[in-house]
């Protein structure tokens, strides 16, 4: 009979990401809320995503935040 984990213990399963990666993502998200281009730069570097985010932030602060959060959570 193979061992199967009970559903009650499923939340205790370790994640694939190390804890330091989770902490850096939290810092990037906070930076994305305060200054969206900085969070995007830390995630993808100097790419087209950064320039798009700068333009969106200039046009409106909220679109810049939404794009920054999308980039950080997607990559």
Foldseek 3Di string as FASTA:
>chain_A
DDDDDDPVCVVVDDDPDDPVVVVVLVVLLVCCLVPNLVSLCVQPNPDPLSVVLVVLCVVDVVSSSVSSNCNSVVD
